[in-house]
Every structure is written in C-alpha cells, then in structure tokens.
Protein backbone atom coordinates (compact mmCIF):
# COMPACT_ATOMS: atom_id res chain seq x y z
CA MET A 1 11.10 8.95 -29.75
CA ASN A 2 11.08 10.43 -26.24
CA ASP A 3 14.32 10.33 -24.29
CA ILE A 4 14.62 8.16 -21.20
CA ASP A 5 13.05 10.16 -18.39
CA GLU A 6 13.06 9.88 -14.58
CA THR A 7 11.11 6.64 -14.46
CA GLY A 8 13.45 5.07 -17.02
CA ASN A 9 16.42 6.11 -14.89
CA THR A 10 14.72 4.65 -11.80
CA VAL A 11 14.18 1.35 -13.61
CA ALA A 12 17.84 1.32 -14.63
CA ALA A 13 19.01 1.88 -11.05
CA ASN A 14 16.65 -0.75 -9.66
CA VAL A 15 17.63 -3.42 -12.19
CA ARG A 16 21.29 -2.75 -11.42
CA ARG A 17 20.68 -2.84 -7.64
CA LEU A 18 18.55 -5.98 -7.62
CA ARG A 19 20.83 -7.92 -9.95
CA ALA A 20 23.79 -7.13 -7.68
CA GLN A 21 21.83 -8.05 -4.54
CA ARG A 22 21.01 -11.45 -6.01
CA GLY A 23 24.62 -12.03 -7.02
CA LEU A 24 23.77 -12.39 -10.69
CA THR A 25 25.98 -11.45 -13.60
CA THR A 26 24.36 -9.85 -16.59
CA GLN A 27 24.85 -13.14 -18.44
CA GLN A 28 23.04 -15.09 -15.70
CA LEU A 29 20.14 -12.63 -15.74
CA ALA A 30 20.04 -12.90 -19.53
CA GLU A 31 19.79 -16.69 -19.22
CA ARG A 32 16.85 -16.34 -16.83
CA LEU A 33 15.11 -14.12 -19.35
CA VAL A 34 15.69 -16.68 -22.11
CA ASP A 35 14.05 -19.32 -19.89
CA LEU A 36 11.09 -16.97 -19.40
CA GLY A 37 10.65 -16.57 -23.15
CA ARG A 38 11.61 -12.88 -23.21
CA PRO A 39 15.30 -12.90 -24.16
CA ILE A 40 17.46 -9.84 -23.52
CA ILE A 41 21.17 -10.33 -24.19
CA ALA A 42 23.73 -9.49 -21.51
CA ASN A 43 25.03 -6.47 -23.40
CA ALA A 44 21.50 -5.07 -23.62
CA ILE A 45 21.05 -5.57 -19.86
CA THR A 46 24.22 -3.54 -19.30
CA LYS A 47 22.80 -0.77 -21.49
CA ILE A 48 19.52 -0.88 -19.51
CA GLU A 49 21.42 -0.49 -16.24
CA GLN A 50 23.36 2.44 -17.69
CA GLY A 51 20.19 4.18 -18.88
CA ARG A 52 21.17 3.76 -22.52
CA ARG A 53 18.42 1.30 -23.53
CA ARG A 54 14.69 1.75 -23.14
CA VAL A 55 12.63 -0.89 -21.31
CA ASP A 56 9.21 -1.54 -22.82
CA VAL A 57 6.33 -2.94 -20.78
CA ASP A 58 6.98 -6.55 -21.79
CA ASP A 59 10.65 -6.26 -20.86
CA LEU A 60 9.64 -4.66 -17.55
CA MET A 61 7.35 -7.57 -16.67
CA ALA A 62 9.98 -10.14 -17.61
CA LEU A 63 12.72 -8.35 -15.65
CA ALA A 64 10.49 -8.14 -12.58
CA ILE A 65 9.75 -11.87 -12.71
CA ALA A 66 13.39 -12.75 -13.36
CA LEU A 67 14.49 -10.65 -10.37
CA GLY A 68 11.74 -11.92 -8.09
CA VAL A 69 9.95 -8.60 -7.54
CA THR A 70 6.89 -6.73 -8.80
CA PRO A 71 6.92 -4.24 -11.68
CA ASN A 72 6.32 -1.49 -9.10
CA THR A 73 9.62 -2.40 -7.45
CA LEU A 74 11.38 -1.52 -10.68
CA LEU A 75 9.31 1.56 -11.46
CA LEU A 76 9.50 3.34 -8.10
CA PRO A 77 12.30 4.64 -5.86
CA HIS A 78 13.67 2.08 -3.42
CA GLU A 79 14.62 4.56 -0.69
CA VAL A 80 12.22 5.34 2.16
CA HIS A 81 13.25 8.97 2.52
CA GLY A 82 13.03 11.81 0.07
CA GLN A 83 10.82 12.93 -2.76
CA HIS A 84 10.72 11.99 -6.40
CA GLN A 85 9.39 13.62 -9.54
CA ALA A 86 8.36 10.69 -11.68
CA THR A 87 7.64 10.90 -15.39
CA ALA A 88 4.56 13.03 -16.23
CA ILE A 89 4.15 14.23 -12.62
CA SER A 90 4.45 18.00 -12.42
CA GLU A 91 6.21 18.20 -9.06
CA ALA A 92 8.16 16.01 -6.67
CA VAL A 93 6.10 13.99 -4.17
CA PRO A 94 7.15 11.76 -1.23
CA HIS A 95 8.21 8.25 -2.14
CA ALA A 96 5.44 6.84 0.06
CA THR A 97 2.86 8.81 -1.93
CA LEU A 98 4.03 7.18 -5.14
CA TRP A 99 3.88 3.72 -3.58
CA HIS A 100 0.37 4.25 -2.19
CA TRP A 101 -0.72 5.43 -5.64
CA ALA A 102 0.97 2.56 -7.47
CA ASP A 103 -0.58 -0.14 -5.28
CA GLY A 104 -4.05 1.38 -5.61
CA THR A 105 -4.35 2.56 -2.00
CA MET A 106 -4.50 6.34 -2.47
CA PRO A 107 -4.69 8.65 -5.50
CA LEU A 108 -2.05 11.21 -6.33
CA PRO A 109 -2.29 14.57 -4.52
CA PRO A 110 -4.66 17.02 -6.25
CA SER A 111 -1.71 19.28 -7.10
CA VAL A 112 -0.32 16.65 -9.50
CA ASP A 113 -3.48 14.75 -10.45
CA PRO A 114 -4.80 15.96 -13.83
CA THR A 115 -8.21 14.36 -13.17
CA VAL A 116 -9.09 16.83 -10.38
CA ASP A 117 -8.93 20.61 -10.15
CA GLY A 118 -7.88 20.87 -6.50
CA THR A 119 -11.02 22.64 -5.27
CA GLU A 120 -12.99 19.58 -4.22
CA SER A 121 -14.85 19.49 -0.91
CA GLU A 122 -13.92 16.90 1.72
CA GLU A 123 -16.91 14.81 0.71
CA GLU A 124 -15.98 15.00 -2.96
CA SER A 125 -12.35 14.17 -2.18
CA LYS A 126 -13.45 11.01 -0.36
CA ARG A 127 -15.66 10.06 -3.29
CA LEU A 128 -12.73 10.51 -5.68
CA GLU A 129 -10.51 8.39 -3.41
CA ALA A 130 -13.09 5.60 -3.41
CA GLU A 131 -13.47 5.85 -7.19
CA PHE A 132 -9.69 5.67 -7.59
CA ARG A 133 -9.47 2.50 -5.53
CA ARG A 134 -12.28 0.88 -7.53
CA GLN A 135 -10.55 1.70 -10.80
CA ALA A 136 -6.95 1.06 -9.75
CA ALA A 137 -7.30 -2.68 -9.16
CA PRO A 138 -9.94 -5.41 -9.33
CA GLN A 139 -12.36 -5.03 -6.44
CA ALA A 140 -11.62 -8.56 -5.27
CA PHE A 141 -7.97 -7.59 -4.77
CA HIS A 142 -8.58 -5.00 -2.08
CA PRO A 143 -9.98 -7.23 0.68
CA ALA A 144 -7.13 -9.68 0.10
CA ALA A 145 -4.62 -6.83 0.32
CA VAL A 146 -6.12 -5.68 3.61
CA PHE A 147 -5.79 -9.17 5.06
CA ALA A 148 -2.23 -9.50 3.83
CA HIS A 149 -1.11 -6.26 5.43
CA LEU A 150 -3.28 -5.88 8.52
CA VAL A 151 -4.09 -9.31 9.95
CA ASP A 152 -0.92 -9.07 12.01
CA LEU A 153 -1.79 -5.84 13.81
CA GLU A 154 1.40 -5.82 15.85
CA THR A 155 3.50 -5.90 12.69
CA ALA A 156 1.32 -3.20 11.13
CA LEU A 157 1.73 -0.98 14.19
CA LYS A 158 5.51 -1.41 14.23
CA SER A 159 5.70 -0.65 10.53
CA ALA A 160 3.59 2.49 10.93
CA MET A 161 5.66 3.75 13.86
CA GLU A 162 8.95 3.08 12.07
CA THR A 163 7.69 5.03 9.07
CA VAL A 164 6.68 7.99 11.21
CA ARG A 165 9.92 7.94 13.23
CA SER A 166 12.08 7.88 10.10
CA THR A 167 9.99 10.39 8.15
CA PRO A 168 7.72 12.44 10.46
CA MET A 169 6.18 14.35 7.55
CA LEU A 170 4.46 11.11 6.47
CA ALA A 171 2.42 10.93 9.72
CA PRO A 172 -0.73 12.48 8.15
CA GLN A 173 -0.61 9.98 5.28
CA VAL A 174 -0.14 7.05 7.66
CA ALA A 175 -3.09 8.31 9.70
CA ARG A 176 -5.26 8.65 6.59
CA VAL A 177 -4.46 5.11 5.44
CA ALA A 178 -5.18 3.74 8.93
CA GLU A 179 -8.48 5.64 9.00
CA MET A 180 -9.40 4.30 5.58
CA TYR A 181 -8.81 0.68 6.62
CA ALA A 182 -10.62 1.19 9.93
CA GLU A 183 -13.70 2.49 8.13
CA ALA A 184 -13.60 -0.40 5.65
CA TRP A 185 -13.18 -3.03 8.39
CA THR A 186 -16.06 -1.57 10.39
CA ALA A 187 -18.34 -1.71 7.36
CA ILE A 188 -17.21 -5.23 6.43
CA ALA A 189 -17.60 -6.49 10.01
CA GLY A 190 -21.17 -5.20 10.16
CA GLY A 191 -21.97 -6.74 6.81
CA MET A 192 -20.45 -10.09 7.76
CA LYS A 193 -22.53 -10.29 10.93
CA GLU A 194 -25.65 -9.62 8.90
CA ILE A 195 -25.03 -12.00 6.02
CA GLY A 196 -23.24 -14.67 8.05
CA GLN A 197 -26.54 -15.67 9.65
CA GLU A 198 -27.93 -16.45 6.22
CA ALA A 199 -25.10 -18.73 5.06
CA ARG A 200 -25.89 -22.01 6.81
CA ARG A 201 -25.32 -24.38 3.89
CA VAL A 202 -22.40 -24.99 1.53
CA GLU A 203 -24.51 -24.05 -1.47
CA ASP A 204 -25.08 -20.61 0.07
CA MET A 205 -21.38 -19.71 -0.23
CA ARG A 206 -21.65 -18.33 -3.75
CA ALA A 207 -24.43 -15.97 -2.72
CA LEU A 208 -22.43 -15.05 0.39
CA ALA A 209 -19.42 -14.13 -1.73
CA GLU A 210 -21.57 -11.94 -3.96
CA LYS A 211 -23.04 -10.16 -0.95
CA LEU A 212 -19.56 -9.61 0.50
CA GLU A 213 -18.49 -7.98 -2.75
CA ALA A 214 -21.46 -5.63 -2.45
CA VAL A 215 -20.51 -4.83 1.16
CA VAL A 216 -16.94 -4.00 0.14
CA ALA A 217 -18.18 -1.75 -2.67
CA LYS A 218 -20.50 0.01 -0.22
CA ALA A 219 -17.60 0.52 2.19
CA GLU A 220 -15.53 2.06 -0.58
CA GLN A 221 -18.37 4.42 -1.52
CA SER A 222 -18.81 5.54 2.08
CA LYS A 223 -15.26 6.85 2.42
C-alpha cells in the first residue's frame, strides 16, 4: 500500500482546521458521521488529523458533508499564497492553479499535464482547454457556475483585484479566466438573442433549453 502523500497530508490538515473552526470535538464529528451513515470513530478521526490513517473516497465525501464543505476544500491547500506539489504532480504549482483545475475551469499547466506534450500551438491549447472543461464537469454545470460567480460583477471585480494585489504573479491567470468568461458570455448573448425570438410559447422551452446547450458547447469549442 502506498504511504500517505502530500494530498493525504493536506486532507489531514484541513479536517483538523475545519473541525476546530466549527468548535467540534472528534466525538461530535464522529456522531455526525454516524448520522450520515458513514461512521468513523473519534479515535480514527484523530489518526486522520495526524496523518496516520488513510481517507478513502467514501470517507472523504462523508467528512466534507459533515464539515459543511466540498471535497475540494479538503483536498486542496486552504492558503491563498504559495505553491503546492500535490500527489502525482511533477512540480509545485500555485494554489490558484490547483483550484481552477479542481473546479473544472482550467487544465493543469502543460509542464505537469501528462495528456499534453507542451509544444501545442495557441489554437491547439485553446482547443485542449475547451475539451478539458467539457470533460471536467457536466456541461449543464458550467453556465450555472458562471452565473453564481459573475452575476455580481462588482463582487467579481473586487475578488479579482484582491487576488492580484495579494499575489501579483497570478495576474495572467486572472486575466485568462476573465477572457474565457467574456468570450463565453459574448457567444451566449448572441445565441440568446437569436433563439429568444423563437420561444414565444411555454411548450417551446424544452427546445430552447436544448438550443442553449448547443450554444454553450459552441462557445466552449471557440475558445
């Protein structure tokens, strides 16, 4: 069996941090897990937090739900600054890069992505980015994610500026993400104007939804 690696140690630190933040004892967290149908005794939780007990994928899901976070919150570094060499990644990358990859926004850099050879043209790189986003999450998820993060443009702008102020080296990544969303919104806006004229009755909504999915896919392919 493989030893606990960097990601296992990150999970241990995050479980320990989140449990403390919520004011839970290991026994109280164990009781939550019993209620969720995935029991882990208090002593085992202590071993997890000390990096002495492995967390399988079912335990990870249960711990995330019990602590009120997503599995990514447990898997990835909590700090904004710095770089991290996660399990199976050949070199350290910025924390933001790992988060963008984990939420399906951007692929890993070519230098650590075994699916590319690092010699791709700009056009090919954009195609690979679009392919990554299609594969990383259900297509229907992406438009909802855009709404969730970018409907409040003022909040989005403040968040982007705070990121760049705190970690200037992330400015190119922030710019690339902003460019990606701008391109997608432009394509979606054009498509909505076109197909909106055709949806005049309630029974047309199903066809409208299918067309919108096609527009989103086209926007992804164009990046």
